[in-house]
Amino acid sequence: VLHLLCDLTIASETAKFGQNGPRVGSFDAGFGTGL
């Protein structure tokens, strides 16, 4: 979510992206979904 909120994202080839909330009993249902 933090990278999503940034205006620009530059990633290394080794970067991995994803969400994990529903796996650990959590969620981000504001910017994390809508944006």
Full PDB file with SEQRES, HELIX, SHEET, SSBOND, CRYST1, ORIGX, SCALE, CONECT and MASTER records, all heavy atoms in Angstrom:
SEQRES   1 A   35  VAL LEU HIS LEU LEU CYS ASP LEU THR ILE ALA SER GLU          
SEQRES   2 A   35  THR ALA LYS PHE GLY GLN ASN GLY PRO ARG VAL GLY SER          
SEQRES   3 A   35  PHE ASP ALA GLY PHE GLY THR GLY LEU                          
HELIX    1 AA1 LEU A    2  LEU A    5  1                                   4    
HELIX    2 AA2 GLY A   21  VAL A   24  1                                   4    
HELIX    3 AA3 PHE A   31  GLY A   34  1                                   4    
CRYST1    1.000    1.000    1.000  90.00  90.00  90.00 P 1           1          
ORIGX1      1.000000  0.000000  0.000000        0.00000                         
ORIGX2      0.000000  1.000000  0.000000        0.00000                         
ORIGX3      0.000000  0.000000  1.000000        0.00000                         
SCALE1      1.000000  0.000000  0.000000        0.00000                         
SCALE2      0.000000  1.000000  0.000000        0.00000                         
SCALE3      0.000000  0.000000  1.000000        0.00000                         
ATOM      1  N   VAL A   1       0.830  -1.198   0.000  1.00  0.00           N  
ATOM      2  CA  VAL A   1       0.000   0.000   0.000  1.00  0.00           C  
ATOM      3  C   VAL A   1       0.872   1.258   0.000  1.00  0.00           C  
ATOM      4  O   VAL A   1       0.558   2.239  -0.683  1.00  0.00           O  
ATOM      5  CB  VAL A   1      -0.954  -0.006   1.211  1.00  0.00           C  
ATOM      6  CG1 VAL A   1      -1.742   1.302   1.288  1.00  0.00           C  
ATOM      7  CG2 VAL A   1      -1.912  -1.187   1.130  1.00  0.00           C  
ATOM      8  N   LEU A   2       1.976   1.235   0.742  1.00  0.00           N  
ATOM      9  CA  LEU A   2       2.854   2.409   0.777  1.00  0.00           C  
ATOM     10  C   LEU A   2       3.415   2.731  -0.599  1.00  0.00           C  
ATOM     11  O   LEU A   2       3.435   3.896  -1.017  1.00  0.00           O  
ATOM     12  CB  LEU A   2       3.997   2.202   1.774  1.00  0.00           C  
ATOM     13  CG  LEU A   2       3.633   2.136   3.259  1.00  0.00           C  
ATOM     14  CD1 LEU A   2       4.897   2.026   4.104  1.00  0.00           C  
ATOM     15  CD2 LEU A   2       2.813   3.340   3.693  1.00  0.00           C  
ATOM     16  N   HIS A   3       3.884   1.713  -1.325  1.00  0.00           N  
ATOM     17  CA  HIS A   3       4.416   2.001  -2.665  1.00  0.00           C  
ATOM     18  C   HIS A   3       3.309   2.498  -3.584  1.00  0.00           C  
ATOM     19  O   HIS A   3       3.520   3.371  -4.436  1.00  0.00           O  
ATOM     20  CB  HIS A   3       5.119   0.762  -3.250  1.00  0.00           C  
ATOM     21  CG  HIS A   3       4.379   0.065  -4.335  1.00  0.00           C  
ATOM     22  ND1 HIS A   3       4.409   0.482  -5.652  1.00  0.00           N  
ATOM     23  CD2 HIS A   3       3.569  -1.026  -4.292  1.00  0.00           C  
ATOM     24  CE1 HIS A   3       3.643  -0.327  -6.380  1.00  0.00           C  
ATOM     25  NE2 HIS A   3       3.133  -1.237  -5.595  1.00  0.00           N  
ATOM     26  N   LEU A   4       2.098   1.949  -3.412  1.00  0.00           N  
ATOM     27  CA  LEU A   4       0.958   2.371  -4.232  1.00  0.00           C  
ATOM     28  C   LEU A   4       0.637   3.845  -4.005  1.00  0.00           C  
ATOM     29  O   LEU A   4       0.286   4.569  -4.942  1.00  0.00           O  
ATOM     30  CB  LEU A   4      -0.252   1.498  -3.886  1.00  0.00           C  
ATOM     31  CG  LEU A   4      -1.526   1.689  -4.703  1.00  0.00           C  
ATOM     32  CD1 LEU A   4      -1.322   1.194  -6.140  1.00  0.00           C  
ATOM     33  CD2 LEU A   4      -2.686   0.938  -4.058  1.00  0.00           C  
ATOM     34  N   LEU A   5       0.770   4.305  -2.770  1.00  0.00           N  
ATOM     35  CA  LEU A   5       0.488   5.699  -2.439  1.00  0.00           C  
ATOM     36  C   LEU A   5       1.533   6.664  -2.984  1.00  0.00           C  
ATOM     37  O   LEU A   5       1.244   7.849  -3.171  1.00  0.00           O  
ATOM     38  CB  LEU A   5       0.403   5.859  -0.916  1.00  0.00           C  
ATOM     39  CG  LEU A   5      -0.870   5.326  -0.265  1.00  0.00           C  
ATOM     40  CD1 LEU A   5      -0.649   5.155   1.232  1.00  0.00           C  
ATOM     41  CD2 LEU A   5      -2.040   6.262  -0.526  1.00  0.00           C  
ATOM     42  N   CYS A   6       2.750   6.173  -3.214  1.00  0.00           N  
ATOM     43  CA  CYS A   6       3.785   7.039  -3.788  1.00  0.00           C  
ATOM     44  C   CYS A   6       3.415   7.426  -5.215  1.00  0.00           C  
ATOM     45  O   CYS A   6       2.708   6.702  -5.914  1.00  0.00           O  
ATOM     46  CB  CYS A   6       5.135   6.321  -3.757  1.00  0.00           C  
ATOM     47  SG  CYS A   6       5.778   6.003  -2.100  1.00  0.00           S  
ATOM     48  N   ASP A   7       3.893   8.567  -5.655  1.00  0.00           N  
ATOM     49  CA  ASP A   7       3.528   9.066  -6.986  1.00  0.00           C  
ATOM     50  C   ASP A   7       4.134   8.229  -8.099  1.00  0.00           C  
ATOM     51  O   ASP A   7       3.523   8.060  -9.162  1.00  0.00           O  
ATOM     52  CB  ASP A   7       3.989  10.523  -7.122  1.00  0.00           C  
ATOM     53  CG  ASP A   7       3.359  11.420  -6.070  1.00  0.00           C  
ATOM     54  OD1 ASP A   7       2.125  11.577  -6.101  1.00  0.00           O  
ATOM     55  OD2 ASP A   7       4.090  11.935  -5.215  1.00  0.00           O  
ATOM     56  N   LEU A   8       5.327   7.724  -7.873  1.00  0.00           N  
ATOM     57  CA  LEU A   8       6.047   6.931  -8.871  1.00  0.00           C  
ATOM     58  C   LEU A   8       6.678   5.731  -8.176  1.00  0.00           C  
ATOM     59  O   LEU A   8       7.012   5.811  -6.993  1.00  0.00           O  
ATOM     60  CB  LEU A   8       7.142   7.768  -9.540  1.00  0.00           C  
ATOM     61  CG  LEU A   8       6.701   9.055 -10.242  1.00  0.00           C  
ATOM     62  CD1 LEU A   8       7.910   9.942 -10.511  1.00  0.00           C  
ATOM     63  CD2 LEU A   8       5.968   8.738 -11.541  1.00  0.00           C  
ATOM     64  N   THR A   9       6.846   4.632  -8.907  1.00  0.00           N  
ATOM     65  CA  THR A   9       7.514   3.454  -8.341  1.00  0.00           C  
ATOM     66  C   THR A   9       8.550   2.936  -9.332  1.00  0.00           C  
ATOM     67  O   THR A   9       8.223   2.652 -10.486  1.00  0.00           O  
ATOM     68  CB  THR A   9       6.517   2.327  -8.028  1.00  0.00           C  
ATOM     69  OG1 THR A   9       5.588   2.775  -7.037  1.00  0.00           O  
ATOM     70  CG2 THR A   9       7.247   1.091  -7.504  1.00  0.00           C  
ATOM     71  N   ILE A  10       9.776   2.832  -8.861  1.00  0.00           N  
ATOM     72  CA  ILE A  10      10.847   2.193  -9.620  1.00  0.00           C  
ATOM     73  C   ILE A  10      11.270   0.966  -8.834  1.00  0.00           C  
ATOM     74  O   ILE A  10      11.521   1.042  -7.623  1.00  0.00           O  
ATOM     75  CB  ILE A  10      12.038   3.141  -9.834  1.00  0.00           C  
ATOM     76  CG1 ILE A  10      11.565   4.413 -10.565  1.00  0.00           C  
ATOM     77  CG2 ILE A  10      13.148   2.454 -10.630  1.00  0.00           C  
ATOM     78  CD1 ILE A  10      12.635   5.473 -10.718  1.00  0.00           C  
ATOM     79  N   ALA A  11      11.318  -0.180  -9.493  1.00  0.00           N  
ATOM     80  CA  ALA A  11      11.563  -1.442  -8.804  1.00  0.00           C  
ATOM     81  C   ALA A  11      12.808  -2.128  -9.327  1.00  0.00           C  
ATOM     82  O   ALA A  11      13.143  -2.029 -10.514  1.00  0.00           O  
ATOM     83  CB  ALA A  11      10.366  -2.373  -8.969  1.00  0.00           C  
ATOM     84  N   SER A  12      13.482  -2.827  -8.446  1.00  0.00           N  
ATOM     85  CA  SER A  12      14.574  -3.688  -8.879  1.00  0.00           C  
ATOM     86  C   SER A  12      13.992  -4.980  -9.452  1.00  0.00           C  
ATOM     87  O   SER A  12      12.838  -5.330  -9.181  1.00  0.00           O  
ATOM     88  CB  SER A  12      15.501  -4.014  -7.708  1.00  0.00           C  
ATOM     89  OG  SER A  12      14.962  -5.049  -6.914  1.00  0.00           O  
ATOM     90  N   GLU A  13      14.780  -5.667 -10.237  1.00  0.00           N  
ATOM     91  CA  GLU A  13      14.323  -6.924 -10.836  1.00  0.00           C  
ATOM     92  C   GLU A  13      13.989  -7.974  -9.783  1.00  0.00           C  
ATOM     93  O   GLU A  13      13.254  -8.926 -10.058  1.00  0.00           O  
ATOM     94  CB  GLU A  13      15.402  -7.479 -11.777  1.00  0.00           C  
ATOM     95  CG  GLU A  13      15.636  -6.630 -13.009  1.00  0.00           C  
ATOM     96  CD  GLU A  13      16.804  -7.124 -13.850  1.00  0.00           C  
ATOM     97  OE1 GLU A  13      17.694  -7.809 -13.290  1.00  0.00           O  
ATOM     98  OE2 GLU A  13      16.827  -6.812 -15.061  1.00  0.00           O  
ATOM     99  N   THR A  14      14.500  -7.810  -8.578  1.00  0.00           N  
ATOM    100  CA  THR A  14      14.276  -8.775  -7.504  1.00  0.00           C  
ATOM    101  C   THR A  14      13.030  -8.463  -6.674  1.00  0.00           C  
ATOM    102  O   THR A  14      12.711  -9.211  -5.744  1.00  0.00           O  
ATOM    103  CB  THR A  14      15.494  -8.806  -6.562  1.00  0.00           C  
ATOM    104  OG1 THR A  14      15.707  -7.490  -6.035  1.00  0.00           O  
ATOM    105  CG2 THR A  14      16.743  -9.260  -7.314  1.00  0.00           C  
ATOM    106  N   ALA A  15      12.343  -7.380  -6.984  1.00  0.00           N  
ATOM    107  CA  ALA A  15      11.192  -6.969  -6.181  1.00  0.00           C  
ATOM    108  C   ALA A  15      10.041  -7.965  -6.313  1.00  0.00           C  
ATOM    109  O   ALA A  15       9.860  -8.603  -7.359  1.00  0.00           O  
ATOM    110  CB  ALA A  15      10.733  -5.576  -6.601  1.00  0.00           C  
ATOM    111  N   LYS A  16       9.259  -8.075  -5.247  1.00  0.00           N  
ATOM    112  CA  LYS A  16       8.050  -8.900  -5.232  1.00  0.00           C  
ATOM    113  C   LYS A  16       6.916  -8.065  -4.651  1.00  0.00           C  
ATOM    114  O   LYS A  16       7.102  -7.348  -3.658  1.00  0.00           O  
ATOM    115  CB  LYS A  16       8.249 -10.144  -4.374  1.00  0.00           C  
ATOM    116  CG  LYS A  16       9.292 -11.120  -4.896  1.00  0.00           C  
ATOM    117  CD  LYS A  16       8.800 -11.867  -6.123  1.00  0.00           C  
ATOM    118  CE  LYS A  16       9.804 -12.918  -6.565  1.00  0.00           C  
ATOM    119  NZ  LYS A  16       9.371 -13.623  -7.790  1.00  0.00           N  
ATOM    120  N   PHE A  17       5.736  -8.193  -5.240  1.00  0.00           N  
ATOM    121  CA  PHE A  17       4.596  -7.389  -4.846  1.00  0.00           C  
ATOM    122  C   PHE A  17       3.422  -8.283  -4.460  1.00  0.00           C  
ATOM    123  O   PHE A  17       3.249  -9.362  -5.022  1.00  0.00           O  
ATOM    124  CB  PHE A  17       4.173  -6.467  -6.000  1.00  0.00           C  
ATOM    125  CG  PHE A  17       5.236  -5.484  -6.417  1.00  0.00           C  
ATOM    126  CD1 PHE A  17       6.240  -5.861  -7.302  1.00  0.00           C  
ATOM    127  CD2 PHE A  17       5.240  -4.196  -5.919  1.00  0.00           C  
ATOM    128  CE1 PHE A  17       7.230  -4.961  -7.689  1.00  0.00           C  
ATOM    129  CE2 PHE A  17       6.217  -3.290  -6.291  1.00  0.00           C  
ATOM    130  CZ  PHE A  17       7.218  -3.673  -7.177  1.00  0.00           C  
ATOM    131  N   GLY A  18       2.584  -7.811  -3.531  1.00  0.00           N  
ATOM    132  CA  GLY A  18       1.398  -8.574  -3.188  1.00  0.00           C  
ATOM    133  C   GLY A  18       0.769  -8.122  -1.886  1.00  0.00           C  
ATOM    134  O   GLY A  18       1.334  -7.328  -1.132  1.00  0.00           O  
ATOM    135  N   GLN A  19      -0.422  -8.638  -1.642  1.00  0.00           N  
ATOM    136  CA  GLN A  19      -1.134  -8.382  -0.393  1.00  0.00           C  
ATOM    137  C   GLN A  19      -1.169  -9.664   0.437  1.00  0.00           C  
ATOM    138  O   GLN A  19      -1.081 -10.770  -0.097  1.00  0.00           O  
ATOM    139  CB  GLN A  19      -2.551  -7.900  -0.674  1.00  0.00           C  
ATOM    140  CG  GLN A  19      -2.625  -6.506  -1.289  1.00  0.00           C  
ATOM    141  CD  GLN A  19      -2.047  -5.399  -0.428  1.00  0.00           C  
ATOM    142  OE1 GLN A  19      -1.589  -4.377  -0.915  1.00  0.00           O  
ATOM    143  NE2 GLN A  19      -2.050  -5.601   0.879  1.00  0.00           N  
ATOM    144  N   ASN A  20      -1.327  -9.488   1.753  1.00  0.00           N  
ATOM    145  CA  ASN A  20      -1.279 -10.640   2.653  1.00  0.00           C  
ATOM    146  C   ASN A  20      -2.339 -10.580   3.739  1.00  0.00           C  
ATOM    147  O   ASN A  20      -2.479 -11.513   4.521  1.00  0.00           O  
ATOM    148  CB  ASN A  20       0.116 -10.722   3.307  1.00  0.00           C  
ATOM    149  CG  ASN A  20       0.447 -12.094   3.818  1.00  0.00           C  
ATOM    150  OD1 ASN A  20       0.167 -13.095   3.163  1.00  0.00           O  
ATOM    151  ND2 ASN A  20       1.044 -12.160   4.990  1.00  0.00           N  
ATOM    152  N   GLY A  21      -3.100  -9.481   3.785  1.00  0.00           N  
ATOM    153  CA  GLY A  21      -4.034  -9.253   4.877  1.00  0.00           C  
ATOM    154  C   GLY A  21      -4.999 -10.388   5.161  1.00  0.00           C  
ATOM    155  O   GLY A  21      -5.097 -10.855   6.301  1.00  0.00           O  
ATOM    156  N   PRO A  22      -5.750 -10.862   4.170  1.00  0.00           N  
ATOM    157  CA  PRO A  22      -6.709 -11.930   4.443  1.00  0.00           C  
ATOM    158  C   PRO A  22      -6.065 -13.217   4.952  1.00  0.00           C  
ATOM    159  O   PRO A  22      -6.751 -14.058   5.533  1.00  0.00           O  
ATOM    160  CB  PRO A  22      -7.366 -12.156   3.070  1.00  0.00           C  
ATOM    161  CG  PRO A  22      -7.255 -10.828   2.390  1.00  0.00           C  
ATOM    162  CD  PRO A  22      -5.912 -10.300   2.816  1.00  0.00           C  
ATOM    163  N   ARG A  23      -4.783 -13.359   4.756  1.00  0.00           N  
ATOM    164  CA  ARG A  23      -4.075 -14.544   5.261  1.00  0.00           C  
ATOM    165  C   ARG A  23      -3.745 -14.413   6.742  1.00  0.00           C  
ATOM    166  O   ARG A  23      -3.595 -15.413   7.439  1.00  0.00           O  
ATOM    167  CB  ARG A  23      -2.796 -14.776   4.438  1.00  0.00           C  
ATOM    168  CG  ARG A  23      -2.066 -16.065   4.772  1.00  0.00           C  
ATOM    169  CD  ARG A  23      -0.867 -16.286   3.863  1.00  0.00           C  
ATOM    170  NE  ARG A  23      -1.265 -16.736   2.534  1.00  0.00           N  
ATOM    171  CZ  ARG A  23      -0.937 -16.140   1.390  1.00  0.00           C  
ATOM    172  NH1 ARG A  23      -0.202 -15.038   1.410  1.00  0.00           N  
ATOM    173  NH2 ARG A  23      -1.339 -16.624   0.238  1.00  0.00           N  
ATOM    174  N   VAL A  24      -3.602 -13.184   7.237  1.00  0.00           N  
ATOM    175  CA  VAL A  24      -3.197 -12.980   8.631  1.00  0.00           C  
ATOM    176  C   VAL A  24      -4.288 -12.283   9.451  1.00  0.00           C  
ATOM    177  O   VAL A  24      -4.018 -11.781  10.539  1.00  0.00           O  
ATOM    178  CB  VAL A  24      -1.880 -12.173   8.720  1.00  0.00           C  
ATOM    179  CG1 VAL A  24      -0.748 -12.928   8.064  1.00  0.00           C  
ATOM    180  CG2 VAL A  24      -2.028 -10.786   8.098  1.00  0.00           C  
ATOM    181  N   GLY A  25      -5.508 -12.269   8.943  1.00  0.00           N  
ATOM    182  CA  GLY A  25      -6.590 -11.637   9.682  1.00  0.00           C  
ATOM    183  C   GLY A  25      -6.513 -10.133   9.691  1.00  0.00           C  
ATOM    184  O   GLY A  25      -6.632  -9.498  10.738  1.00  0.00           O  
ATOM    185  N   SER A  26      -6.332  -9.535   8.513  1.00  0.00           N  
ATOM    186  CA  SER A  26      -6.223  -8.091   8.409  1.00  0.00           C  
ATOM    187  C   SER A  26      -6.677  -7.660   7.014  1.00  0.00           C  
ATOM    188  O   SER A  26      -6.929  -8.498   6.138  1.00  0.00           O  
ATOM    189  CB  SER A  26      -4.778  -7.645   8.671  1.00  0.00           C  
ATOM    190  OG  SER A  26      -4.671  -6.237   8.648  1.00  0.00           O  
ATOM    191  N   PHE A  27      -6.793  -6.343   6.809  1.00  0.00           N  
ATOM    192  CA  PHE A  27      -7.159  -5.807   5.498  1.00  0.00           C  
ATOM    193  C   PHE A  27      -6.875  -4.314   5.463  1.00  0.00           C  
ATOM    194  O   PHE A  27      -6.730  -3.681   6.503  1.00  0.00           O  
ATOM    195  CB  PHE A  27      -8.641  -6.076   5.175  1.00  0.00           C  
ATOM    196  CG  PHE A  27      -9.605  -5.646   6.239  1.00  0.00           C  
ATOM    197  CD1 PHE A  27      -9.994  -4.319   6.377  1.00  0.00           C  
ATOM    198  CD2 PHE A  27     -10.133  -6.571   7.136  1.00  0.00           C  
ATOM    199  CE1 PHE A  27     -10.880  -3.916   7.358  1.00  0.00           C  
ATOM    200  CE2 PHE A  27     -11.027  -6.186   8.126  1.00  0.00           C  
ATOM    201  CZ  PHE A  27     -11.399  -4.853   8.234  1.00  0.00           C  
ATOM    202  N   ASP A  28      -6.801  -3.756   4.267  1.00  0.00           N  
ATOM    203  CA  ASP A  28      -6.698  -2.319   4.067  1.00  0.00           C  
ATOM    204  C   ASP A  28      -7.711  -1.960   2.986  1.00  0.00           C  
ATOM    205  O   ASP A  28      -7.438  -2.098   1.792  1.00  0.00           O  
ATOM    206  CB  ASP A  28      -5.290  -1.911   3.641  1.00  0.00           C  
ATOM    207  CG  ASP A  28      -5.127  -0.383   3.575  1.00  0.00           C  
ATOM    208  OD1 ASP A  28      -6.093   0.289   3.167  1.00  0.00           O  
ATOM    209  OD2 ASP A  28      -4.068   0.124   3.932  1.00  0.00           O  
ATOM    210  N   ALA A  29      -8.888  -1.558   3.440  1.00  0.00           N  
ATOM    211  CA  ALA A  29     -10.002  -1.370   2.509  1.00  0.00           C  
ATOM    212  C   ALA A  29     -10.237   0.088   2.130  1.00  0.00           C  
ATOM    213  O   ALA A  29     -11.326   0.466   1.742  1.00  0.00           O  
ATOM    214  CB  ALA A  29     -11.281  -1.971   3.102  1.00  0.00           C  
ATOM    215  N   GLY A  30      -9.218   0.921   2.234  1.00  0.00           N  
ATOM    216  CA  GLY A  30      -9.335   2.308   1.802  1.00  0.00           C  
ATOM    217  C   GLY A  30      -8.547   2.510   0.522  1.00  0.00           C  
ATOM    218  O   GLY A  30      -8.921   2.046  -0.552  1.00  0.00           O  
ATOM    219  N   PHE A  31      -7.406   3.198   0.636  1.00  0.00           N  
ATOM    220  CA  PHE A  31      -6.547   3.399  -0.524  1.00  0.00           C  
ATOM    221  C   PHE A  31      -6.033   2.061  -1.068  1.00  0.00           C  
ATOM    222  O   PHE A  31      -5.801   1.922  -2.261  1.00  0.00           O  
ATOM    223  CB  PHE A  31      -5.360   4.291  -0.156  1.00  0.00           C  
ATOM    224  CG  PHE A  31      -5.721   5.732   0.074  1.00  0.00           C  
ATOM    225  CD1 PHE A  31      -5.551   6.316   1.324  1.00  0.00           C  
ATOM    226  CD2 PHE A  31      -6.240   6.513  -0.948  1.00  0.00           C  
ATOM    227  CE1 PHE A  31      -5.877   7.643   1.541  1.00  0.00           C  
ATOM    228  CE2 PHE A  31      -6.576   7.839  -0.746  1.00  0.00           C  
ATOM    229  CZ  PHE A  31      -6.399   8.409   0.513  1.00  0.00           C  
ATOM    230  N   GLY A  32      -5.863   1.092  -0.173  1.00  0.00           N  
ATOM    231  CA  GLY A  32      -5.309  -0.194  -0.591  1.00  0.00           C  
ATOM    232  C   GLY A  32      -6.160  -0.946  -1.576  1.00  0.00           C  
ATOM    233  O   GLY A  32      -5.654  -1.794  -2.319  1.00  0.00           O  
ATOM    234  N   THR A  33      -7.461  -0.666  -1.604  1.00  0.00           N  
ATOM    235  CA  THR A  33      -8.339  -1.290  -2.597  1.00  0.00           C  
ATOM    236  C   THR A  33      -8.714  -0.303  -3.702  1.00  0.00           C  
ATOM    237  O   THR A  33      -8.505  -0.560  -4.871  1.00  0.00           O  
ATOM    238  CB  THR A  33      -9.605  -1.833  -1.929  1.00  0.00           C  
ATOM    239  OG1 THR A  33     -10.237  -0.791  -1.167  1.00  0.00           O  
ATOM    240  CG2 THR A  33      -9.292  -3.008  -1.030  1.00  0.00           C  
ATOM    241  N   GLY A  34      -9.260   0.839  -3.295  1.00  0.00           N  
ATOM    242  CA  GLY A  34      -9.768   1.782  -4.290  1.00  0.00           C  
ATOM    243  C   GLY A  34      -8.703   2.349  -5.196  1.00  0.00           C  
ATOM    244  O   GLY A  34      -8.867   2.402  -6.423  1.00  0.00           O  
ATOM    245  N   LEU A  35      -7.577   2.768  -4.609  1.00  0.00           N  
ATOM    246  CA  LEU A  35      -6.505   3.341  -5.415  1.00  0.00           C  
ATOM    247  C   LEU A  35      -5.857   2.272  -6.292  1.00  0.00           C  
ATOM    248  O   LEU A  35      -5.472   2.542  -7.434  1.00  0.00           O  
ATOM    249  CB  LEU A  35      -5.464   3.989  -4.506  1.00  0.00           C  
ATOM    250  CG  LEU A  35      -4.463   4.935  -5.164  1.00  0.00           C  
ATOM    251  CD1 LEU A  35      -5.176   6.094  -5.850  1.00  0.00           C  
ATOM    252  CD2 LEU A  35      -3.476   5.471  -4.137  1.00  0.00           C  
TER     253      LEU A  35                                                      
MASTER        0    0    0    3    0    0    0    6  252    1    0    3          
END                                                                             
